[in-house]
Amino acid sequence: IGGQAAACEHRSVQRSARRTFLKAALRGPG
């Protein structure tokens, strides 16, 4: 259960990073 929780948290962090990155790319394509 602890391993599953850690994996879920890791995926959540990755999704947050991707969203933040894409927003920056769209905001400043140059």
PDB file of all heavy atoms in Angstrom:
ATOM      1  N   ILE A   1       0.846  -1.204   0.000  1.00  0.00           N
ATOM      2  CA  ILE A   1       0.000   0.000   0.000  1.00  0.00           C
ATOM      3  C   ILE A   1       0.879   1.250   0.000  1.00  0.00           C
ATOM      4  O   ILE A   1       0.627   2.215  -0.724  1.00  0.00           O
ATOM      5  CB  ILE A   1      -0.931  -0.003   1.220  1.00  0.00           C
ATOM      6  CG1 ILE A   1      -1.954  -1.132   1.093  1.00  0.00           C
ATOM      7  CG2 ILE A   1      -1.644   1.342   1.352  1.00  0.00           C
ATOM      8  CD1 ILE A   1      -2.863  -1.276   2.297  1.00  0.00           C
ATOM      9  N   GLY A   2       1.949   1.201   0.812  1.00  0.00           N
ATOM     10  CA  GLY A   2       2.857   2.345   0.845  1.00  0.00           C
ATOM     11  C   GLY A   2       3.527   2.574  -0.493  1.00  0.00           C
ATOM     12  O   GLY A   2       3.699   3.707  -0.931  1.00  0.00           O
ATOM     13  N   GLY A   3       3.902   1.471  -1.159  1.00  0.00           N
ATOM     14  CA  GLY A   3       4.522   1.594  -2.473  1.00  0.00           C
ATOM     15  C   GLY A   3       3.583   2.176  -3.503  1.00  0.00           C
ATOM     16  O   GLY A   3       3.966   2.993  -4.335  1.00  0.00           O
ATOM     17  N   GLN A   4       2.318   1.768  -3.441  1.00  0.00           N
ATOM     18  CA  GLN A   4       1.324   2.301  -4.378  1.00  0.00           C
ATOM     19  C   GLN A   4       1.112   3.785  -4.141  1.00  0.00           C
ATOM     20  O   GLN A   4       0.972   4.571  -5.089  1.00  0.00           O
ATOM     21  CB  GLN A   4       0.010   1.540  -4.220  1.00  0.00           C
ATOM     22  CG  GLN A   4       0.057   0.105  -4.737  1.00  0.00           C
ATOM     23  CD  GLN A   4      -1.218  -0.649  -4.438  1.00  0.00           C
ATOM     24  OE1 GLN A   4      -1.970  -0.306  -3.520  1.00  0.00           O
ATOM     25  NE2 GLN A   4      -1.469  -1.698  -5.202  1.00  0.00           N
ATOM     26  N   ALA A   5       1.084   4.187  -2.863  1.00  0.00           N
ATOM     27  CA  ALA A   5       0.894   5.610  -2.543  1.00  0.00           C
ATOM     28  C   ALA A   5       2.061   6.436  -3.059  1.00  0.00           C
ATOM     29  O   ALA A   5       1.873   7.531  -3.616  1.00  0.00           O
ATOM     30  CB  ALA A   5       0.748   5.788  -1.039  1.00  0.00           C
ATOM     31  N   ALA A   6       3.283   5.918  -2.899  1.00  0.00           N
ATOM     32  CA  ALA A   6       4.467   6.629  -3.380  1.00  0.00           C
ATOM     33  C   ALA A   6       4.453   6.746  -4.897  1.00  0.00           C
ATOM     34  O   ALA A   6       4.810   7.787  -5.463  1.00  0.00           O
ATOM     35  CB  ALA A   6       5.736   5.914  -2.917  1.00  0.00           C
ATOM     36  N   ALA A   7       4.029   5.665  -5.570  1.00  0.00           N
ATOM     37  CA  ALA A   7       3.959   5.694  -7.033  1.00  0.00           C
ATOM     38  C   ALA A   7       2.926   6.705  -7.515  1.00  0.00           C
ATOM     39  O   ALA A   7       3.153   7.433  -8.489  1.00  0.00           O
ATOM     40  CB  ALA A   7       3.620   4.304  -7.563  1.00  0.00           C
ATOM     41  N   CYS A   8       1.793   6.764  -6.819  1.00  0.00           N
ATOM     42  CA  CYS A   8       0.749   7.726  -7.185  1.00  0.00           C
ATOM     43  C   CYS A   8       1.233   9.152  -6.996  1.00  0.00           C
ATOM     44  O   CYS A   8       0.980  10.038  -7.833  1.00  0.00           O
ATOM     45  CB  CYS A   8      -0.509   7.490  -6.352  1.00  0.00           C
ATOM     46  SG  CYS A   8      -1.432   6.012  -6.802  1.00  0.00           S
ATOM     47  N   GLU A   9       1.960   9.388  -5.893  1.00  0.00           N
ATOM     48  CA  GLU A   9       2.492  10.725  -5.638  1.00  0.00           C
ATOM     49  C   GLU A   9       3.506  11.114  -6.716  1.00  0.00           C
ATOM     50  O   GLU A   9       3.516  12.256  -7.192  1.00  0.00           O
ATOM     51  CB  GLU A   9       3.150  10.773  -4.260  1.00  0.00           C
ATOM     52  CG  GLU A   9       3.692  12.155  -3.911  1.00  0.00           C
ATOM     53  CD  GLU A   9       4.315  12.197  -2.530  1.00  0.00           C
ATOM     54  OE1 GLU A   9       4.285  11.165  -1.831  1.00  0.00           O
ATOM     55  OE2 GLU A   9       4.822  13.267  -2.150  1.00  0.00           O
ATOM     56  N   HIS A  10       4.354  10.153  -7.112  1.00  0.00           N
ATOM     57  CA  HIS A  10       5.352  10.416  -8.156  1.00  0.00           C
ATOM     58  C   HIS A  10       4.669  10.782  -9.472  1.00  0.00           C
ATOM     59  O   HIS A  10       5.083  11.730 -10.145  1.00  0.00           O
ATOM     60  CB  HIS A  10       6.236   9.186  -8.341  1.00  0.00           C
ATOM     61  CG  HIS A  10       7.266   9.348  -9.417  1.00  0.00           C
ATOM     62  ND1 HIS A  10       8.327  10.230  -9.316  1.00  0.00           N
ATOM     63  CD2 HIS A  10       7.393   8.746 -10.637  1.00  0.00           C
ATOM     64  CE1 HIS A  10       9.056  10.161 -10.407  1.00  0.00           C
ATOM     65  NE2 HIS A  10       8.516   9.271 -11.222  1.00  0.00           N
ATOM     66  N   ARG A  11       3.626  10.048  -9.834  1.00  0.00           N
ATOM     67  CA  ARG A  11       2.901  10.350 -11.080  1.00  0.00           C
ATOM     68  C   ARG A  11       2.246  11.713 -11.001  1.00  0.00           C
ATOM     69  O   ARG A  11       2.203  12.456 -11.987  1.00  0.00           O
ATOM     70  CB  ARG A  11       1.868   9.268 -11.354  1.00  0.00           C
ATOM     71  CG  ARG A  11       2.462   7.941 -11.833  1.00  0.00           C
ATOM     72  CD  ARG A  11       1.395   7.024 -12.408  1.00  0.00           C
ATOM     73  NE  ARG A  11       0.457   6.596 -11.387  1.00  0.00           N
ATOM     74  CZ  ARG A  11       0.603   5.494 -10.657  1.00  0.00           C
ATOM     75  NH1 ARG A  11       1.664   4.725 -10.815  1.00  0.00           N
ATOM     76  NH2 ARG A  11      -0.311   5.153  -9.763  1.00  0.00           N
ATOM     77  N   SER A  12       1.728  12.061  -9.823  1.00  0.00           N
ATOM     78  CA  SER A  12       1.097  13.371  -9.649  1.00  0.00           C
ATOM     79  C   SER A  12       2.113  14.493  -9.837  1.00  0.00           C
ATOM     80  O   SER A  12       1.826  15.512 -10.485  1.00  0.00           O
ATOM     81  CB  SER A  12       0.469  13.464  -8.257  1.00  0.00           C
ATOM     82  OG  SER A  12      -0.075  14.742  -8.042  1.00  0.00           O
ATOM     83  N   VAL A  13       3.323  14.304  -9.286  1.00  0.00           N
ATOM     84  CA  VAL A  13       4.388  15.300  -9.442  1.00  0.00           C
ATOM     85  C   VAL A  13       4.775  15.445 -10.909  1.00  0.00           C
ATOM     86  O   VAL A  13       4.969  16.552 -11.421  1.00  0.00           O
ATOM     87  CB  VAL A  13       5.613  14.910  -8.595  1.00  0.00           C
ATOM     88  CG1 VAL A  13       6.817  15.786  -8.939  1.00  0.00           C
ATOM     89  CG2 VAL A  13       5.294  15.014  -7.107  1.00  0.00           C
ATOM     90  N   GLN A  14       4.863  14.307 -11.610  1.00  0.00           N
ATOM     91  CA  GLN A  14       5.210  14.348 -13.035  1.00  0.00           C
ATOM     92  C   GLN A  14       4.153  15.085 -13.844  1.00  0.00           C
ATOM     93  O   GLN A  14       4.475  15.879 -14.736  1.00  0.00           O
ATOM     94  CB  GLN A  14       5.391  12.931 -13.568  1.00  0.00           C
ATOM     95  CG  GLN A  14       6.671  12.252 -13.121  1.00  0.00           C
ATOM     96  CD  GLN A  14       6.830  10.897 -13.765  1.00  0.00           C
ATOM     97  OE1 GLN A  14       5.884  10.114 -13.865  1.00  0.00           O
ATOM     98  NE2 GLN A  14       8.039  10.592 -14.219  1.00  0.00           N
ATOM     99  N   ARG A  15       2.874  14.822 -13.549  1.00  0.00           N
ATOM    100  CA  ARG A  15       1.799  15.512 -14.267  1.00  0.00           C
ATOM    101  C   ARG A  15       1.840  17.010 -14.001  1.00  0.00           C
ATOM    102  O   ARG A  15       1.648  17.825 -14.916  1.00  0.00           O
ATOM    103  CB  ARG A  15       0.447  14.932 -13.858  1.00  0.00           C
ATOM    104  CG  ARG A  15       0.150  13.553 -14.449  1.00  0.00           C
ATOM    105  CD  ARG A  15      -1.312  13.198 -14.287  1.00  0.00           C
ATOM    106  NE  ARG A  15      -1.696  13.060 -12.886  1.00  0.00           N
ATOM    107  CZ  ARG A  15      -1.652  11.935 -12.198  1.00  0.00           C
ATOM    108  NH1 ARG A  15      -1.240  10.818 -12.794  1.00  0.00           N
ATOM    109  NH2 ARG A  15      -2.020  11.900 -10.930  1.00  0.00           N
ATOM    110  N   SER A  16       2.100  17.384 -12.755  1.00  0.00           N
ATOM    111  CA  SER A  16       2.186  18.801 -12.414  1.00  0.00           C
ATOM    112  C   SER A  16       3.334  19.472 -13.156  1.00  0.00           C
ATOM    113  O   SER A  16       3.187  20.586 -13.675  1.00  0.00           O
ATOM    114  CB  SER A  16       2.380  18.960 -10.900  1.00  0.00           C
ATOM    115  OG  SER A  16       2.575  20.314 -10.555  1.00  0.00           O
ATOM    116  N   ALA A  17       4.479  18.779 -13.241  1.00  0.00           N
ATOM    117  CA  ALA A  17       5.630  19.330 -13.954  1.00  0.00           C
ATOM    118  C   ALA A  17       5.323  19.501 -15.436  1.00  0.00           C
ATOM    119  O   ALA A  17       5.665  20.525 -16.040  1.00  0.00           O
ATOM    120  CB  ALA A  17       6.847  18.428 -13.764  1.00  0.00           C
ATOM    121  N   ARG A  18       4.661  18.500 -16.033  1.00  0.00           N
ATOM    122  CA  ARG A  18       4.323  18.599 -17.459  1.00  0.00           C
ATOM    123  C   ARG A  18       3.359  19.756 -17.717  1.00  0.00           C
ATOM    124  O   ARG A  18       3.510  20.489 -18.699  1.00  0.00           O
ATOM    125  CB  ARG A  18       3.735  17.280 -17.951  1.00  0.00           C
ATOM    126  CG  ARG A  18       4.771  16.179 -18.169  1.00  0.00           C
ATOM    127  CD  ARG A  18       4.195  15.039 -18.985  1.00  0.00           C
ATOM    128  NE  ARG A  18       3.141  14.335 -18.271  1.00  0.00           N
ATOM    129  CZ  ARG A  18       3.339  13.271 -17.508  1.00  0.00           C
ATOM    130  NH1 ARG A  18       4.559  12.794 -17.350  1.00  0.00           N
ATOM    131  NH2 ARG A  18       2.328  12.676 -16.908  1.00  0.00           N
ATOM    132  N   ARG A  19       2.357  19.924 -16.850  1.00  0.00           N
ATOM    133  CA  ARG A  19       1.403  21.024 -17.019  1.00  0.00           C
ATOM    134  C   ARG A  19       2.108  22.375 -16.919  1.00  0.00           C
ATOM    135  O   ARG A  19       1.869  23.276 -17.733  1.00  0.00           O
ATOM    136  CB  ARG A  19       0.299  20.931 -15.976  1.00  0.00           C
ATOM    137  CG  ARG A  19      -0.744  19.846 -16.237  1.00  0.00           C
ATOM    138  CD  ARG A  19      -1.975  20.077 -15.386  1.00  0.00           C
ATOM    139  NE  ARG A  19      -1.658  20.063 -13.966  1.00  0.00           N
ATOM    140  CZ  ARG A  19      -1.707  18.978 -13.201  1.00  0.00           C
ATOM    141  NH1 ARG A  19      -2.031  17.811 -13.737  1.00  0.00           N
ATOM    142  NH2 ARG A  19      -1.422  19.038 -11.911  1.00  0.00           N
ATOM    143  N   THR A  20       2.963  22.501 -15.919  1.00  0.00           N
ATOM    144  CA  THR A  20       3.688  23.757 -15.735  1.00  0.00           C
ATOM    145  C   THR A  20       4.587  24.042 -16.928  1.00  0.00           C
ATOM    146  O   THR A  20       4.661  25.174 -17.422  1.00  0.00           O
ATOM    147  CB  THR A  20       4.538  23.692 -14.453  1.00  0.00           C
ATOM    148  OG1 THR A  20       3.672  23.442 -13.334  1.00  0.00           O
ATOM    149  CG2 THR A  20       5.284  24.990 -14.223  1.00  0.00           C
ATOM    150  N   PHE A  21       5.268  23.007 -17.423  1.00  0.00           N
ATOM    151  CA  PHE A  21       6.169  23.154 -18.557  1.00  0.00           C
ATOM    152  C   PHE A  21       5.403  23.578 -19.812  1.00  0.00           C
ATOM    153  O   PHE A  21       5.812  24.486 -20.534  1.00  0.00           O
ATOM    154  CB  PHE A  21       6.901  21.841 -18.799  1.00  0.00           C
ATOM    155  CG  PHE A  21       8.035  21.954 -19.773  1.00  0.00           C
ATOM    156  CD1 PHE A  21       9.314  22.239 -19.338  1.00  0.00           C
ATOM    157  CD2 PHE A  21       7.826  21.776 -21.133  1.00  0.00           C
ATOM    158  CE1 PHE A  21      10.368  22.347 -20.231  1.00  0.00           C
ATOM    159  CE2 PHE A  21       8.864  21.882 -22.030  1.00  0.00           C
ATOM    160  CZ  PHE A  21      10.141  22.166 -21.579  1.00  0.00           C
ATOM    161  N   LEU A  22       4.277  22.918 -20.075  1.00  0.00           N
ATOM    162  CA  LEU A  22       3.497  23.244 -21.271  1.00  0.00           C
ATOM    163  C   LEU A  22       2.939  24.654 -21.206  1.00  0.00           C
ATOM    164  O   LEU A  22       2.896  25.361 -22.219  1.00  0.00           O
ATOM    165  CB  LEU A  22       2.369  22.224 -21.447  1.00  0.00           C
ATOM    166  CG  LEU A  22       2.803  20.830 -21.923  1.00  0.00           C
ATOM    167  CD1 LEU A  22       1.631  19.862 -21.881  1.00  0.00           C
ATOM    168  CD2 LEU A  22       3.380  20.909 -23.338  1.00  0.00           C
ATOM    169  N   LYS A  23       2.502  25.079 -20.027  1.00  0.00           N
ATOM    170  CA  LYS A  23       2.013  26.450 -19.881  1.00  0.00           C
ATOM    171  C   LYS A  23       3.112  27.447 -20.203  1.00  0.00           C
ATOM    172  O   LYS A  23       2.879  28.451 -20.882  1.00  0.00           O
ATOM    173  CB  LYS A  23       1.501  26.666 -18.457  1.00  0.00           C
ATOM    174  CG  LYS A  23       0.180  25.998 -18.158  1.00  0.00           C
ATOM    175  CD  LYS A  23      -0.237  26.240 -16.706  1.00  0.00           C
ATOM    176  CE  LYS A  23      -1.548  25.548 -16.379  1.00  0.00           C
ATOM    177  NZ  LYS A  23      -1.923  25.738 -14.947  1.00  0.00           N
ATOM    178  N   ALA A  24       4.331  27.171 -19.718  1.00  0.00           N
ATOM    179  CA  ALA A  24       5.453  28.057 -20.002  1.00  0.00           C
ATOM    180  C   ALA A  24       5.774  28.076 -21.495  1.00  0.00           C
ATOM    181  O   ALA A  24       6.074  29.125 -22.070  1.00  0.00           O
ATOM    182  CB  ALA A  24       6.680  27.620 -19.197  1.00  0.00           C
ATOM    183  N   ALA A  25       5.704  26.908 -22.139  1.00  0.00           N
ATOM    184  CA  ALA A  25       5.987  26.818 -23.572  1.00  0.00           C
ATOM    185  C   ALA A  25       4.963  27.596 -24.390  1.00  0.00           C
ATOM    186  O   ALA A  25       5.311  28.272 -25.365  1.00  0.00           O
ATOM    187  CB  ALA A  25       6.014  25.356 -24.000  1.00  0.00           C
ATOM    188  N   LEU A  26       3.708  27.507 -23.997  1.00  0.00           N
ATOM    189  CA  LEU A  26       2.657  28.228 -24.713  1.00  0.00           C
ATOM    190  C   LEU A  26       2.741  29.730 -24.456  1.00  0.00           C
ATOM    191  O   LEU A  26       2.466  30.538 -25.340  1.00  0.00           O
ATOM    192  CB  LEU A  26       1.279  27.705 -24.287  1.00  0.00           C
ATOM    193  CG  LEU A  26       0.957  26.269 -24.722  1.00  0.00           C
ATOM    194  CD1 LEU A  26      -0.329  25.797 -24.065  1.00  0.00           C
ATOM    195  CD2 LEU A  26       0.845  26.181 -26.241  1.00  0.00           C
ATOM    196  N   ARG A  27       3.146  30.083 -23.239  1.00  0.00           N
ATOM    197  CA  ARG A  27       3.228  31.496 -22.875  1.00  0.00           C
ATOM    198  C   ARG A  27       4.423  32.174 -23.523  1.00  0.00           C
ATOM    199  O   ARG A  27       4.368  33.348 -23.898  1.00  0.00           O
ATOM    200  CB  ARG A  27       3.318  31.599 -21.350  1.00  0.00           C
ATOM    201  CG  ARG A  27       3.231  33.013 -20.797  1.00  0.00           C
ATOM    202  CD  ARG A  27       3.134  33.002 -19.283  1.00  0.00           C
ATOM    203  NE  ARG A  27       4.263  32.305 -18.666  1.00  0.00           N
ATOM    204  CZ  ARG A  27       4.174  31.127 -18.055  1.00  0.00           C
ATOM    205  NH1 ARG A  27       3.022  30.504 -17.974  1.00  0.00           N
ATOM    206  NH2 ARG A  27       5.243  30.554 -17.512  1.00  0.00           N
ATOM    207  N   GLY A  28       5.525  31.420 -23.662  1.00  0.00           N
ATOM    208  CA  GLY A  28       6.742  32.006 -24.215  1.00  0.00           C
ATOM    209  C   GLY A  28       7.401  31.100 -25.217  1.00  0.00           C
ATOM    210  O   GLY A  28       8.470  30.535 -24.942  1.00  0.00           O
ATOM    211  N   PRO A  29       6.806  30.892 -26.395  1.00  0.00           N
ATOM    212  CA  PRO A  29       7.380  29.971 -27.387  1.00  0.00           C
ATOM    213  C   PRO A  29       8.764  30.384 -27.874  1.00  0.00           C
ATOM    214  O   PRO A  29       9.503  29.563 -28.407  1.00  0.00           O
ATOM    215  CB  PRO A  29       6.352  30.007 -28.531  1.00  0.00           C
ATOM    216  CG  PRO A  29       5.626  31.311 -28.355  1.00  0.00           C
ATOM    217  CD  PRO A  29       5.573  31.551 -26.876  1.00  0.00           C
ATOM    218  N   GLY A  30       9.130  31.634 -27.678  1.00  0.00           N
ATOM    219  CA  GLY A  30      10.448  32.080 -28.094  1.00  0.00           C
ATOM    220  C   GLY A  30      11.532  31.823 -27.070  1.00  0.00           C
ATOM    221  O   GLY A  30      12.714  32.013 -27.340  1.00  0.00           O
TER     222      GLY A  30
END
